[in-house]
Amino acid sequence: MSPAAGRPVLAAAAHTVGSVARARTCKVLFCTRHFPWSANFTRDIFAQDSSVEVMQCDATEVATHIGAAHVAVPFMARLDDATLAHARHLKLIIQYGVGVEGIDIPSATRRGIWVSNIKSSGTGNAVSCAEHIIHLTLSLLRNTRGMQQSISDRLIGTPLGQTLFGKRVLVVGLGNITAELLPRLAPFGAHVVVVRSREPGRGGLAPLPPDVEPLVAEYGAGRKELLRLLPTADIVVLACTQSAETKGLVDKAFLHACKRGVFIVNVARGGLLDYDAVSDGLAKGCIGGLGLDVAWEEPLEPDDPLWSDPRVIATPHVAGVTEVSYRNMATILAEEVRRVQQGLPPTIQVNQPTVLNGVREDAE
């Protein structure tokens, strides 16, 4: 996908990235051995190009390997100041997706390292996540784990399921995933409420986008509105970013406001849920079902008692992991690697370093 195909170019830089042209190879470090298709598809693109080397390491080994990298793809690895201190050749940190909360952006900026990401719109990522929300929601409503138990017990005609038709779905967040989710909920006959996680600005509540407005029965923003609307919801979907304001969003007060037996689906970030509050909510029957694609700690601990609860359906952080989205994002990543090789800044610029890393050209 080219910038002309929908990738916004933010504030044009007055300088360029230190070129790696004199280096033998441009080394791209994937800071994880999970999400294997990201590195596999990127390798496919550069299979006939000896000027790019795709590397991988465990998240715990990033400090050891980042010193050789020109481009780092963090995924869930934390690129803090201590880690970035080893990144003497690094020109670009680019997330294989949207979230950059694990990157010390001020440190990267001071060290002359660009930070970028890949937006979920136009890549298939938001579509994939929206489809996965539907999957988790239907799995909870139709009691997929109960079905599996019935098969084991040689029972037929049970469990009794519920329909999405007529349910009131409260979606927290109004980003690209929500924009793709709303038209997919409409054919099921669900009534949708949207609450922005951020408090309204000085100008009040921003209007809904015109293509979304007809699909939304009620709309609000901020914690107060969220707590007001929660008692009306049969299903709550978390599709917002995690920040200092939203970490632990689903806490005791949140669950106290919910309708008893509410279903909660989270494909965003595990930290949006307070673990103790959710465990207590399940134990007391406040939560009727929990569909999670993300967790407090990942990979999931298989012996965590939460996963043995038959009302919990968990998937291993795969909401956005489809062939369409991962091939498209690999193509975008490859374009950004080419920009680094050409001495150009990234298309999407999360920060604006003024003195660039690698004043000394790489002499490997």
Protein backbone atom coordinates (compact mmCIF):
# COMPACT_ATOMS: atom_id res chain seq x y z
CA MET A 1 0.00 0.00 0.00
CA SER A 2 1.43 3.37 -0.98
CA PRO A 3 0.93 6.68 0.86
CA ALA A 4 -1.43 7.64 -1.93
CA ALA A 5 -3.58 4.64 -1.02
CA GLY A 6 -4.51 6.08 2.32
CA ARG A 7 -1.44 6.34 4.55
CA PRO A 8 -1.34 9.88 5.93
CA VAL A 9 1.96 11.71 5.83
CA LEU A 10 2.21 13.76 9.00
CA ALA A 11 4.25 16.95 9.42
CA ALA A 12 6.97 16.86 6.79
CA ALA A 13 10.44 16.62 8.28
CA ALA A 14 13.09 19.17 7.50
CA HIS A 15 15.77 16.52 7.66
CA THR A 16 16.32 12.95 6.57
CA VAL A 17 17.16 9.73 8.32
CA GLY A 18 20.82 8.83 8.48
CA SER A 19 21.24 6.59 5.46
CA VAL A 20 22.34 2.98 5.83
CA ALA A 21 23.52 2.89 2.24
CA ARG A 22 27.13 2.36 3.26
CA ALA A 23 26.24 -0.52 5.53
CA ARG A 24 26.34 -3.99 4.00
CA THR A 25 22.76 -4.71 5.02
CA CYS A 26 19.79 -2.97 6.57
CA LYS A 27 18.94 -5.14 9.57
CA VAL A 28 15.31 -5.37 10.64
CA LEU A 29 14.82 -6.78 14.15
CA PHE A 30 11.49 -8.32 15.14
CA CYS A 31 11.55 -8.14 18.95
CA THR A 32 9.55 -11.32 19.45
CA ARG A 33 9.35 -14.93 18.35
CA HIS A 34 5.58 -14.81 18.73
CA PHE A 35 3.35 -13.55 15.88
CA PRO A 36 5.57 -15.54 13.46
CA TRP A 37 3.73 -14.58 10.28
CA SER A 38 4.87 -10.97 10.57
CA ALA A 39 8.53 -11.91 10.13
CA ASN A 40 7.72 -14.74 7.69
CA PHE A 41 5.81 -12.47 5.30
CA THR A 42 8.47 -9.75 5.59
CA ARG A 43 11.16 -12.30 4.73
CA ASP A 44 9.10 -13.35 1.72
CA ILE A 45 9.18 -9.76 0.42
CA PHE A 46 12.96 -9.47 0.79
CA ALA A 47 13.75 -13.06 -0.25
CA GLN A 48 15.66 -11.90 -3.37
CA ASP A 49 17.18 -8.79 -1.77
CA SER A 50 20.51 -9.26 0.00
CA SER A 51 20.49 -5.64 1.20
CA VAL A 52 17.91 -6.43 3.91
CA GLU A 53 18.26 -8.97 6.71
CA VAL A 54 15.26 -9.91 8.85
CA MET A 55 16.20 -10.95 12.38
CA GLN A 56 14.18 -12.17 15.37
CA CYS A 57 14.81 -12.43 19.08
CA ASP A 58 12.86 -13.06 22.26
CA ALA A 59 11.49 -9.97 23.99
CA THR A 60 13.88 -10.65 26.87
CA GLU A 61 16.89 -10.54 24.51
CA VAL A 62 16.21 -7.24 22.76
CA ALA A 63 18.96 -5.32 24.57
CA THR A 64 21.47 -7.90 23.32
CA HIS A 65 20.43 -7.74 19.66
CA ILE A 66 19.17 -4.18 19.11
CA GLY A 67 22.69 -2.81 18.76
CA ALA A 68 22.99 -4.36 15.29
CA ALA A 69 19.54 -3.25 14.07
CA HIS A 70 18.63 -0.34 11.83
CA VAL A 71 14.88 -0.94 12.15
CA ALA A 72 13.14 -2.43 15.20
CA VAL A 73 9.62 -3.89 15.25
CA PRO A 74 8.73 -4.08 18.95
CA PHE A 75 5.38 -5.88 19.16
CA MET A 76 4.99 -6.35 22.94
CA ALA A 77 8.65 -5.83 23.87
CA ARG A 78 9.31 -2.75 25.99
CA LEU A 79 11.79 -0.44 24.31
CA ASP A 80 12.73 1.65 27.34
CA ASP A 81 15.63 4.05 27.77
CA ALA A 82 17.97 1.34 29.05
CA THR A 83 17.27 -0.81 25.98
CA LEU A 84 17.54 2.07 23.53
CA ALA A 85 20.94 2.94 25.01
CA HIS A 86 22.26 -0.13 23.14
CA ALA A 87 20.68 0.92 19.81
CA ARG A 88 23.67 2.69 18.27
CA HIS A 89 22.61 2.10 14.64
CA LEU A 90 18.83 2.25 15.06
CA LYS A 91 17.06 4.65 12.70
CA LEU A 92 13.42 3.59 13.06
CA ILE A 93 11.09 1.87 15.51
CA ILE A 94 7.91 0.84 13.72
CA GLN A 95 5.08 -1.03 15.40
CA TYR A 96 3.42 -3.85 13.48
CA GLY A 97 0.08 -2.30 14.30
CA VAL A 98 -1.03 0.77 16.19
CA GLY A 99 0.03 0.55 19.84
CA VAL A 100 3.21 2.40 20.79
CA GLU A 101 2.67 2.49 24.56
CA GLY A 102 5.61 0.14 25.14
CA ILE A 103 8.08 2.53 23.48
CA ASP A 104 9.88 5.23 25.45
CA ILE A 105 9.15 7.89 22.83
CA PRO A 106 10.98 10.76 24.60
CA SER A 107 14.08 8.56 24.85
CA ALA A 108 13.83 7.60 21.16
CA THR A 109 13.44 11.27 20.24
CA ARG A 110 16.49 12.29 22.29
CA ARG A 111 18.49 9.54 20.67
CA GLY A 112 17.47 10.59 17.15
CA ILE A 113 15.32 7.54 16.42
CA TRP A 114 12.08 7.85 14.51
CA VAL A 115 8.96 6.16 15.93
CA SER A 116 6.19 5.05 13.59
CA ASN A 117 3.29 2.62 13.41
CA ILE A 118 0.93 1.00 10.94
CA LYS A 119 -2.65 2.17 11.12
CA SER A 120 -5.40 -0.44 11.30
CA SER A 121 -7.54 1.14 8.58
CA GLY A 122 -6.87 0.08 5.01
CA THR A 123 -4.70 -2.92 5.94
CA GLY A 124 -7.39 -5.42 6.90
CA ASN A 125 -6.33 -5.24 10.55
CA ALA A 126 -9.41 -3.36 11.76
CA VAL A 127 -11.67 -5.61 9.68
CA SER A 128 -10.01 -8.70 11.15
CA CYS A 129 -10.42 -7.40 14.70
CA ALA A 130 -14.08 -6.52 14.07
CA GLU A 131 -14.76 -10.04 12.77
CA HIS A 132 -13.04 -11.52 15.83
CA ILE A 133 -15.25 -9.45 18.13
CA ILE A 134 -18.28 -10.99 16.41
CA HIS A 135 -16.71 -14.43 16.82
CA LEU A 136 -16.09 -14.00 20.56
CA THR A 137 -19.51 -12.44 21.11
CA LEU A 138 -21.35 -15.28 19.38
CA SER A 139 -19.18 -17.85 21.17
CA LEU A 140 -20.27 -16.41 24.51
CA LEU A 141 -23.92 -16.08 23.56
CA ARG A 142 -24.14 -19.62 22.16
CA ASN A 143 -21.97 -21.05 24.96
CA THR A 144 -19.29 -22.71 22.86
CA ARG A 145 -17.54 -24.22 25.86
CA GLY A 146 -20.85 -25.66 27.02
CA MET A 147 -21.30 -27.22 23.58
CA GLN A 148 -17.90 -28.87 23.85
CA GLN A 149 -18.86 -30.25 27.25
CA SER A 150 -22.14 -31.60 25.86
CA ILE A 151 -20.23 -33.46 23.16
CA SER A 152 -17.93 -34.95 25.81
CA ASP A 153 -20.99 -35.95 27.88
CA ARG A 154 -22.77 -37.42 24.80
CA LEU A 155 -25.65 -34.96 25.17
CA ILE A 156 -27.63 -33.32 22.37
CA GLY A 157 -29.98 -30.33 22.35
CA THR A 158 -28.11 -28.51 25.11
CA PRO A 159 -26.86 -25.93 26.14
CA LEU A 160 -29.49 -23.27 25.61
CA GLY A 161 -28.02 -20.34 23.72
CA GLN A 162 -28.87 -16.69 23.28
CA THR A 163 -29.15 -14.57 20.14
CA LEU A 164 -27.33 -11.40 19.28
CA PHE A 165 -30.63 -10.23 17.82
CA GLY A 166 -32.23 -7.65 20.11
CA LYS A 167 -29.19 -7.36 22.40
CA ARG A 168 -27.87 -3.96 23.44
CA VAL A 169 -24.14 -3.76 22.71
CA LEU A 170 -22.06 -1.01 24.31
CA VAL A 171 -18.80 -0.39 22.45
CA VAL A 172 -16.08 1.51 24.31
CA GLY A 173 -13.89 3.41 21.83
CA LEU A 174 -14.49 5.02 18.46
CA GLY A 175 -11.52 4.15 16.32
CA ASN A 176 -11.02 2.13 13.18
CA ILE A 177 -12.05 -1.17 14.78
CA THR A 178 -15.37 0.28 15.95
CA ALA A 179 -15.94 1.81 12.52
CA GLU A 180 -15.62 -1.69 11.01
CA LEU A 181 -17.59 -3.38 13.80
CA LEU A 182 -20.75 -1.27 13.65
CA PRO A 183 -21.86 -2.21 10.12
CA ARG A 184 -21.16 -5.86 10.97
CA LEU A 185 -23.39 -5.73 14.05
CA ALA A 186 -26.27 -4.11 12.18
CA PRO A 187 -27.42 -7.23 10.24
CA PHE A 188 -27.72 -9.14 13.54
CA GLY A 189 -30.37 -6.72 14.76
CA ALA A 190 -28.32 -5.55 17.74
CA HIS A 191 -28.85 -2.11 19.29
CA VAL A 192 -25.50 -0.34 19.54
CA VAL A 193 -24.32 2.28 22.01
CA VAL A 194 -20.90 3.90 21.60
CA VAL A 195 -18.92 5.61 24.36
CA ARG A 196 -15.62 7.32 23.65
CA SER A 197 -13.12 6.51 26.39
CA ARG A 198 -11.75 10.07 26.45
CA GLU A 199 -13.50 12.85 28.26
CA PRO A 200 -15.20 15.43 25.99
CA GLY A 201 -13.03 18.40 25.06
CA ARG A 202 -13.83 22.04 25.71
CA GLY A 203 -16.07 22.11 22.68
CA GLY A 204 -18.23 19.31 24.08
CA LEU A 205 -18.99 15.94 22.55
CA ALA A 206 -17.58 15.60 19.04
CA PRO A 207 -20.18 14.47 16.48
CA LEU A 208 -20.18 10.93 15.17
CA PRO A 209 -18.77 10.40 11.67
CA PRO A 210 -21.63 10.57 9.11
CA ASP A 211 -21.21 6.93 8.02
CA VAL A 212 -21.40 5.72 11.63
CA GLU A 213 -24.20 7.89 13.01
CA PRO A 214 -27.14 5.91 11.53
CA LEU A 215 -25.80 2.72 13.16
CA VAL A 216 -25.66 4.08 16.71
CA ALA A 217 -28.68 4.23 19.03
CA GLU A 218 -26.95 6.29 21.73
CA TYR A 219 -23.61 8.03 22.03
CA GLY A 220 -21.53 9.51 24.83
CA ALA A 221 -17.99 10.13 26.05
CA GLY A 222 -16.04 9.88 29.28
CA ARG A 223 -16.28 7.92 32.51
CA LYS A 224 -19.49 9.53 33.76
CA GLU A 225 -21.38 8.70 30.56
CA LEU A 226 -19.93 5.20 30.53
CA LEU A 227 -21.20 4.48 34.04
CA ARG A 228 -24.60 5.92 33.09
CA LEU A 229 -24.96 3.67 30.04
CA LEU A 230 -23.47 0.45 31.40
CA PRO A 231 -26.67 -0.68 33.20
CA THR A 232 -28.46 -0.81 29.83
CA ALA A 233 -25.92 -3.07 28.09
CA ASP A 234 -26.17 -6.82 27.58
CA ILE A 235 -22.72 -6.93 25.99
CA VAL A 236 -19.74 -4.60 26.48
CA VAL A 237 -17.00 -4.52 23.83
CA LEU A 238 -13.64 -2.92 24.62
CA ALA A 239 -12.10 -1.44 21.48
CA CYS A 240 -10.24 1.54 22.93
CA THR A 241 -6.57 2.32 23.44
CA GLN A 242 -4.85 1.69 26.75
CA SER A 243 -3.54 4.80 28.44
CA ALA A 244 -3.01 6.09 31.95
CA GLU A 245 -6.71 7.03 31.96
CA THR A 246 -8.04 3.70 30.68
CA LYS A 247 -5.74 1.23 32.43
CA GLY A 248 -7.92 -0.82 34.78
CA LEU A 249 -11.05 0.63 33.17
CA VAL A 250 -13.06 -2.48 34.04
CA ASP A 251 -12.82 -2.19 37.81
CA LYS A 252 -15.24 -2.77 40.69
CA ALA A 253 -17.14 0.47 39.99
CA PHE A 254 -17.47 -0.47 36.31
CA LEU A 255 -18.82 -3.94 37.13
CA HIS A 256 -21.11 -2.57 39.85
CA ALA A 257 -22.72 -0.37 37.19
CA CYS A 258 -23.19 -3.28 34.75
CA LYS A 259 -26.32 -5.34 34.33
CA ARG A 260 -25.93 -8.61 36.22
CA GLY A 261 -24.70 -11.35 33.88
CA VAL A 262 -23.16 -8.94 31.36
CA PHE A 263 -20.91 -10.33 28.63
CA ILE A 264 -17.58 -8.53 28.19
CA VAL A 265 -15.39 -8.83 25.08
CA ASN A 266 -11.87 -7.40 24.94
CA VAL A 267 -9.68 -7.37 21.82
CA ALA A 268 -7.80 -4.18 22.72
CA ARG A 269 -5.33 -4.43 25.61
CA GLY A 270 -5.28 -6.75 28.61
CA GLY A 271 -4.55 -3.90 31.01
CA LEU A 272 -8.00 -2.42 30.41
CA LEU A 273 -9.32 -5.05 32.83
CA ASP A 274 -8.51 -5.09 36.54
CA TYR A 275 -7.69 -8.75 37.12
CA ASP A 276 -8.94 -8.91 40.72
CA ALA A 277 -12.17 -7.08 39.90
CA VAL A 278 -12.89 -9.38 36.95
CA SER A 279 -12.09 -12.54 38.93
CA ASP A 280 -14.41 -11.36 41.69
CA GLY A 281 -17.07 -10.41 39.15
CA LEU A 282 -17.05 -13.91 37.69
CA ALA A 283 -17.14 -15.53 41.12
CA LYS A 284 -20.17 -13.46 42.15
CA GLY A 285 -22.03 -13.88 38.86
CA CYS A 286 -21.80 -10.20 37.95
CA ILE A 287 -20.10 -11.24 34.70
CA GLY A 288 -22.00 -13.81 32.65
CA GLY A 289 -19.24 -14.39 30.12
CA LEU A 290 -15.80 -13.08 29.24
CA GLY A 291 -14.33 -13.18 25.72
CA LEU A 292 -10.64 -12.27 25.75
CA ASP A 293 -8.12 -12.03 22.94
CA VAL A 294 -5.67 -10.19 25.21
CA ALA A 295 -4.60 -10.80 28.79
CA TRP A 296 -2.84 -9.14 31.71
CA GLU A 297 0.29 -11.13 30.97
CA GLU A 298 1.04 -12.67 27.60
CA PRO A 299 1.53 -15.42 26.62
CA LEU A 300 -1.41 -16.65 28.67
CA GLU A 301 -0.54 -18.68 31.74
CA PRO A 302 -2.39 -21.94 31.03
CA ASP A 303 -2.76 -22.76 34.74
CA ASP A 304 -4.42 -19.44 35.59
CA PRO A 305 -7.73 -20.41 37.27
CA LEU A 306 -9.54 -17.81 35.16
CA TRP A 307 -9.15 -19.94 32.02
CA SER A 308 -10.75 -22.97 33.66
CA ASP A 309 -13.99 -21.02 34.20
CA PRO A 310 -16.48 -22.32 31.59
CA ARG A 311 -17.82 -18.78 31.09
CA VAL A 312 -14.44 -17.57 29.79
CA ILE A 313 -13.42 -17.93 26.14
CA ALA A 314 -9.83 -16.96 25.42
CA THR A 315 -7.92 -16.68 22.16
CA PRO A 316 -4.13 -16.10 21.88
CA HIS A 317 -3.96 -12.46 20.68
CA VAL A 318 -5.07 -13.33 17.15
CA ALA A 319 -7.86 -10.81 16.51
CA GLY A 320 -5.78 -8.99 13.90
CA VAL A 321 -3.76 -11.99 12.76
CA THR A 322 -5.18 -12.91 9.36
CA GLU A 323 -3.41 -13.48 6.08
CA VAL A 324 -4.94 -10.33 4.59
CA SER A 325 -3.89 -8.02 7.40
CA TYR A 326 -0.45 -9.52 8.01
CA ARG A 327 0.55 -9.55 4.34
CA ASN A 328 -0.62 -5.96 3.92
CA MET A 329 1.26 -4.82 7.01
CA ALA A 330 4.39 -6.66 5.85
CA THR A 331 4.15 -4.74 2.58
CA ILE A 332 3.89 -1.44 4.44
CA LEU A 333 6.78 -2.38 6.71
CA ALA A 334 8.89 -3.20 3.64
CA GLU A 335 8.11 0.23 2.18
CA GLU A 336 9.28 1.88 5.41
CA VAL A 337 12.49 -0.16 5.39
CA ARG A 338 13.11 1.13 1.86
CA ARG A 339 12.63 4.67 3.11
CA VAL A 340 15.28 4.09 5.78
CA GLN A 341 17.65 2.76 3.12
CA GLN A 342 17.01 5.89 1.06
CA GLY A 343 17.61 8.22 4.01
CA LEU A 344 13.94 9.28 4.22
CA PRO A 345 11.78 9.75 7.32
CA PRO A 346 8.88 7.35 7.93
CA THR A 347 5.52 8.02 6.32
CA ILE A 348 3.78 8.19 9.70
CA GLN A 349 5.78 10.13 12.27
CA VAL A 350 4.86 9.62 15.92
CA ASN A 351 7.79 11.78 17.03
CA GLN A 352 10.07 14.44 15.55
CA PRO A 353 13.74 13.84 16.39
CA THR A 354 15.91 16.82 15.52
CA VAL A 355 19.32 15.17 15.78
CA LEU A 356 19.34 11.77 14.15
CA ASN A 357 20.95 8.59 15.41
CA GLY A 358 23.99 7.25 13.61
CA VAL A 359 26.07 10.39 13.09
CA ARG A 360 28.88 7.92 12.64
CA GLU A 361 27.98 5.92 9.57
CA ASP A 362 27.76 2.17 10.13
CA ALA A 363 31.12 0.59 9.35
CA GLU A 364 30.39 -3.08 9.67
